[in-house]
Amino acid sequence: MAKLYFYYSSMNAGKSTTLLQSSYNYRERGMNTLILTPELDSRYGDSHVTSRIGLRADAAVFSTAQDLLATVGSHHQHTPLHCVFVDEAQFLARDQVHQLSDVADQLGIPVLCYGLRTDFQGQLFEGSRHLLAWADNLVEIKTICHCGHKATMVLRLDAQGRVVKQGTQIKIGGNETYQSVCRKHFKLGMATRRADELPFQEATDST
């Protein structure tokens, strides 16, 4: 039976690289894959998934209102699919997670989702919350904090490198905007400080 997978991590753990390598492995064996990417993430242009190390592949862009069961079904009818990959899966809507589970259950196509688990305030994204509840397999992709411990959280930084504690949940950015940290340094970074707080790299204790 086909399964729904959720590969989750904090920032800069190589999620897109892993996705692209997995899709390549299928295609190298003569199998067809479909890569889906949300229209919210336009850092590298539309219709592509690009990793930080330069890997790149074509992708179908979807909106939060799109029926992904119908989208995958249409592609599958035109060209039989052997696997579906979803980049930045934290941006999925609740119904879309259910639709992807239907892709596995009704169409018999494995679905591999890659995304963040929590936002810069330590809260679950909508897509991640429902993938954690509905996926058959949960796989953590690990990266490390600057202190050397496993990074499980994400801090948002402003232009001066100071920790941002309030704001909208979704703000697209890379290393200049987000930093992956362990729970200890997440709590230190989010702690109340003076109005003239130092940049994060100086304000936190890495011991």
Protein backbone atom coordinates (compact mmCIF):
# COMPACT_ATOMS: atom_id res chain seq x y z
CA MET A 1 0.00 0.00 0.00
CA ALA A 2 1.27 3.47 -0.89
CA LYS A 3 2.06 5.74 2.04
CA LEU A 4 2.13 9.42 2.98
CA TYR A 5 5.50 10.50 4.39
CA PHE A 6 6.48 13.67 6.24
CA TYR A 7 10.17 14.57 6.31
CA TYR A 8 10.50 17.48 8.75
CA SER A 9 13.31 19.59 10.15
CA SER A 10 14.38 23.11 11.04
CA MET A 11 15.92 25.45 8.43
CA ASN A 12 18.98 24.52 6.39
CA ALA A 13 18.84 20.79 7.05
CA GLY A 14 18.87 19.84 3.37
CA LYS A 15 15.16 19.10 2.85
CA SER A 16 15.07 20.29 -0.77
CA THR A 17 18.36 18.55 -1.54
CA THR A 18 16.97 15.27 -0.21
CA LEU A 19 13.75 15.73 -2.18
CA LEU A 20 15.59 16.41 -5.42
CA GLN A 21 17.94 13.47 -4.93
CA SER A 22 15.02 11.13 -4.23
CA SER A 23 13.14 12.32 -7.32
CA TYR A 24 16.29 11.86 -9.40
CA ASN A 25 16.65 8.29 -8.13
CA TYR A 26 13.14 7.46 -9.36
CA ARG A 27 13.71 9.06 -12.75
CA GLU A 28 17.08 7.37 -13.20
CA ARG A 29 15.19 4.08 -13.01
CA GLY A 30 12.72 5.13 -15.69
CA MET A 31 9.93 6.08 -13.25
CA ASN A 32 7.86 9.27 -13.42
CA THR A 33 7.63 11.74 -10.55
CA LEU A 34 5.71 14.93 -9.88
CA ILE A 35 7.21 17.69 -7.72
CA LEU A 36 4.78 20.17 -6.18
CA THR A 37 5.83 23.51 -4.70
CA PRO A 38 3.65 26.21 -3.09
CA GLU A 39 3.23 29.56 -4.83
CA LEU A 40 4.04 31.24 -1.48
CA ASP A 41 7.73 30.40 -1.88
CA SER A 42 8.98 32.35 -4.91
CA ARG A 43 12.64 32.78 -3.87
CA TYR A 44 13.96 30.88 -6.89
CA GLY A 45 11.26 31.73 -9.41
CA ASP A 46 8.10 29.90 -10.36
CA SER A 47 7.92 26.27 -11.46
CA HIS A 48 11.17 25.11 -9.87
CA VAL A 49 12.53 23.61 -6.67
CA THR A 50 16.11 24.69 -5.97
CA SER A 51 18.38 23.55 -3.16
CA ARG A 52 21.05 25.66 -1.44
CA ILE A 53 23.79 23.54 -3.02
CA GLY A 54 22.54 24.26 -6.54
CA LEU A 55 20.37 21.25 -7.42
CA ARG A 56 17.26 22.23 -9.37
CA ALA A 57 14.23 20.57 -10.95
CA ASP A 58 10.96 21.55 -12.61
CA ALA A 59 7.91 21.64 -10.34
CA ALA A 60 4.18 22.29 -10.52
CA VAL A 61 3.18 25.34 -8.46
CA PHE A 62 0.03 25.08 -6.34
CA SER A 63 -2.10 27.51 -4.36
CA THR A 64 -3.54 26.90 -0.89
CA ALA A 65 -7.01 26.60 -2.43
CA GLN A 66 -6.02 23.99 -5.02
CA ASP A 67 -7.35 20.43 -4.91
CA LEU A 68 -4.17 18.37 -4.92
CA LEU A 69 -5.95 15.06 -5.43
CA ALA A 70 -7.41 16.45 -8.66
CA THR A 71 -4.04 17.96 -9.65
CA VAL A 72 -2.14 14.73 -9.13
CA GLY A 73 -4.95 12.72 -10.73
CA SER A 74 -4.78 14.85 -13.87
CA HIS A 75 -1.02 14.41 -14.18
CA HIS A 76 -1.34 10.69 -13.46
CA GLN A 77 -3.93 10.26 -16.19
CA HIS A 78 -1.64 11.94 -18.71
CA THR A 79 1.59 10.26 -17.54
CA PRO A 80 1.46 7.45 -14.94
CA LEU A 81 3.21 8.62 -11.78
CA HIS A 82 5.31 6.50 -9.45
CA CYS A 83 5.86 9.09 -6.70
CA VAL A 84 4.75 12.61 -5.72
CA PHE A 85 7.06 15.03 -3.88
CA VAL A 86 5.92 18.15 -2.02
CA ASP A 87 8.41 20.90 -1.16
CA GLU A 88 7.78 23.41 1.69
CA ALA A 89 4.93 21.21 2.93
CA GLN A 90 4.39 23.39 6.00
CA PHE A 91 2.41 25.72 3.71
CA LEU A 92 -0.20 23.06 2.88
CA ALA A 93 -3.77 23.70 3.97
CA ARG A 94 -5.54 21.15 6.17
CA ASP A 95 -7.70 19.88 3.31
CA GLN A 96 -4.66 19.50 1.07
CA VAL A 97 -3.01 17.15 3.57
CA HIS A 98 -6.15 15.03 3.45
CA GLN A 99 -6.11 15.16 -0.35
CA LEU A 100 -2.51 13.96 -0.41
CA SER A 101 -3.47 11.07 1.85
CA ASP A 102 -6.14 10.25 -0.77
CA VAL A 103 -3.43 10.25 -3.45
CA ALA A 104 -1.75 7.45 -1.51
CA ASP A 105 -4.95 5.62 -0.53
CA GLN A 106 -7.02 5.98 -3.70
CA LEU A 107 -4.46 6.38 -6.49
CA GLY A 108 -1.82 4.14 -4.91
CA ILE A 109 0.98 6.71 -5.38
CA PRO A 110 3.49 7.33 -2.56
CA VAL A 111 3.59 10.98 -1.41
CA LEU A 112 6.75 12.38 0.18
CA CYS A 113 6.33 15.77 1.90
CA TYR A 114 9.25 17.88 3.07
CA GLY A 115 8.87 20.89 5.35
CA LEU A 116 9.42 22.75 8.59
CA ARG A 117 7.71 21.56 11.74
CA THR A 118 7.47 24.87 13.66
CA ASP A 119 7.62 28.60 12.96
CA PHE A 120 9.81 31.33 14.52
CA GLN A 121 7.59 31.40 17.62
CA GLY A 122 7.72 27.64 18.16
CA GLN A 123 4.19 27.08 16.83
CA LEU A 124 3.22 24.34 14.39
CA PHE A 125 2.42 25.37 10.82
CA GLU A 126 -1.01 24.25 9.58
CA GLY A 127 0.41 21.83 7.04
CA SER A 128 2.92 20.39 9.50
CA ARG A 129 0.30 19.92 12.21
CA HIS A 130 -1.92 17.82 9.98
CA LEU A 131 0.96 15.90 8.42
CA LEU A 132 2.12 14.95 11.91
CA ALA A 133 -1.39 13.64 12.54
CA TRP A 134 -2.08 11.95 9.20
CA ALA A 135 1.23 10.77 7.71
CA ASP A 136 2.05 7.06 7.79
CA ASN A 137 5.74 7.73 8.35
CA LEU A 138 7.44 10.64 10.15
CA VAL A 139 11.14 11.18 9.45
CA GLU A 140 13.32 13.85 11.05
CA ILE A 141 16.06 15.40 8.90
CA LYS A 142 18.66 16.63 11.36
CA THR A 143 20.88 19.70 11.48
CA ILE A 144 22.82 21.38 14.28
CA CYS A 145 22.71 24.56 16.34
CA HIS A 146 25.77 26.84 16.51
CA CYS A 147 26.49 25.26 19.94
CA GLY A 148 26.79 21.79 18.39
CA HIS A 149 23.54 20.30 19.70
CA LYS A 150 20.72 19.19 17.43
CA ALA A 151 18.71 22.14 16.06
CA THR A 152 14.96 21.67 16.41
CA MET A 153 13.72 25.29 16.39
CA VAL A 154 13.97 28.37 14.17
CA LEU A 155 14.63 32.00 15.13
CA ARG A 156 13.69 34.90 12.85
CA LEU A 157 16.26 37.71 12.65
CA ASP A 158 15.95 41.33 11.55
CA ALA A 159 18.43 43.17 9.30
CA GLN A 160 20.71 43.81 12.30
CA GLY A 161 20.74 40.14 13.34
CA ARG A 162 18.43 40.66 16.33
CA VAL A 163 15.76 38.12 17.21
CA VAL A 164 12.24 38.98 16.01
CA LYS A 165 9.58 37.90 18.51
CA GLN A 166 6.36 39.11 16.84
CA GLY A 167 4.99 39.17 13.31
CA THR A 168 3.13 37.18 10.71
CA GLN A 169 3.77 33.44 10.70
CA ILE A 170 4.85 33.32 7.07
CA LYS A 171 7.80 35.38 5.85
CA ILE A 172 9.88 33.86 3.11
CA GLY A 173 13.62 34.08 3.65
CA GLY A 174 16.91 32.24 3.91
CA ASN A 175 20.02 32.46 6.07
CA GLU A 176 19.71 36.23 6.32
CA THR A 177 16.27 35.88 7.94
CA TYR A 178 16.28 32.61 9.87
CA GLN A 179 18.67 30.66 12.10
CA SER A 180 18.25 27.07 13.22
CA VAL A 181 18.93 26.55 16.92
CA CYS A 182 18.47 24.03 19.71
CA ARG A 183 15.63 24.45 22.23
CA LYS A 184 17.94 26.07 24.80
CA HIS A 185 19.09 28.81 22.44
CA PHE A 186 15.58 29.28 21.10
CA LYS A 187 14.40 30.07 24.63
CA LEU A 188 17.39 32.35 25.22
CA GLY A 189 16.76 34.15 21.96
CA MET A 190 13.05 34.63 22.68
CA ALA A 191 13.64 35.81 26.27
CA THR A 192 12.71 39.40 27.12
CA ARG A 193 15.72 41.70 26.84
CA ARG A 194 16.51 45.44 27.00
CA ALA A 195 15.31 47.66 24.16
CA ASP A 196 18.92 47.97 23.01
CA GLU A 197 19.40 44.19 22.88
CA LEU A 198 22.53 42.96 21.19
CA PRO A 199 22.52 41.01 17.92
CA PHE A 200 21.67 37.34 18.49
CA GLN A 201 25.20 36.10 17.95
CA GLU A 202 26.42 38.24 20.86
CA ALA A 203 23.36 38.06 23.08
CA THR A 204 23.15 34.28 23.41
CA ASP A 205 25.41 32.04 25.45
CA SER A 206 26.83 29.18 23.37
CA THR A 207 28.21 27.24 26.32
